[in-house]
């Protein structure tokens, strides 16, 4: 696994995407010499962005996890996010392949026979999200639309942050992204940033997605636990029995809204979902 990271086989793919995005060694930056017309997108967030800025017609293939917008369901699939098939990519004759720097580096040696440019995007934090949206606009000739999208997202964030500032509750929240082993969303992650925007006090004080023990859960004493599950499922009985007050009070909720783990055009929707989860009454 990239950079020595060992992840369990059952780790949900959206967490895996976020972890890989965080491990990317290069930030999204200027790519003025790149112009794309035939794109293979290896990230659902990037795919959504391309369609949102009016470049959806350039997308020739996506991963098996892409499902938004509906039009992508008809596109050829090249595999998963980290196990994309070089043969399937080559079959599309792309001039651009979009992915994180880590993903593109892993593919580079296997795609020597194609003249496609690699467009490296990064969704580690909000600044990276905005840079990546602008970058995709630049390489597709839709820069003005991309800039407008970023402006609207920033305006939406300001409104929600202001709303959260005057909220009566600022509960301690633990956002769990995987149970076995347990990974949680830290303040340096995209999810951690969203928790801050909606007025939550993140129980995790360091890192992006650290692995936690039950002892750390107990010590953090969360007012609410948000458990992301893919696919959708009820809160497992084992979690309902956690020796923490919020479990006894029924303040552990399960969520499967993928917008929470797909940084991009649906950011404001994701923040509204998270705000309701954080600010809802016990």
Foldseek 3Di string as FASTA:
>chain_A
DPPPDDDDPPQDQLVVQQVVLQVFPDFQDDDLVAAWQAEEELALLLQQLCVQLPNNNNYQEYAPPHPPPVVNVPHHHQYHNQPGPLVSVVVSLTQEYEEANRSCVVCVVVNVPHNHDYRHAHPFADVSQLSRSQNSCNNHVSNVSSVVLNVVLVVLLVVQLVVQVPAPDAWAEWEWSDVVQTWTAECRGHLVVLSVSLRYNYLHHDDGIDGDDLVSVQVSQTLAYEYEDPPDDFDDPVVLPRPHPNSVVVRYGYDHPCCSSNPHSCVSVNSVVVNCSRRPDD
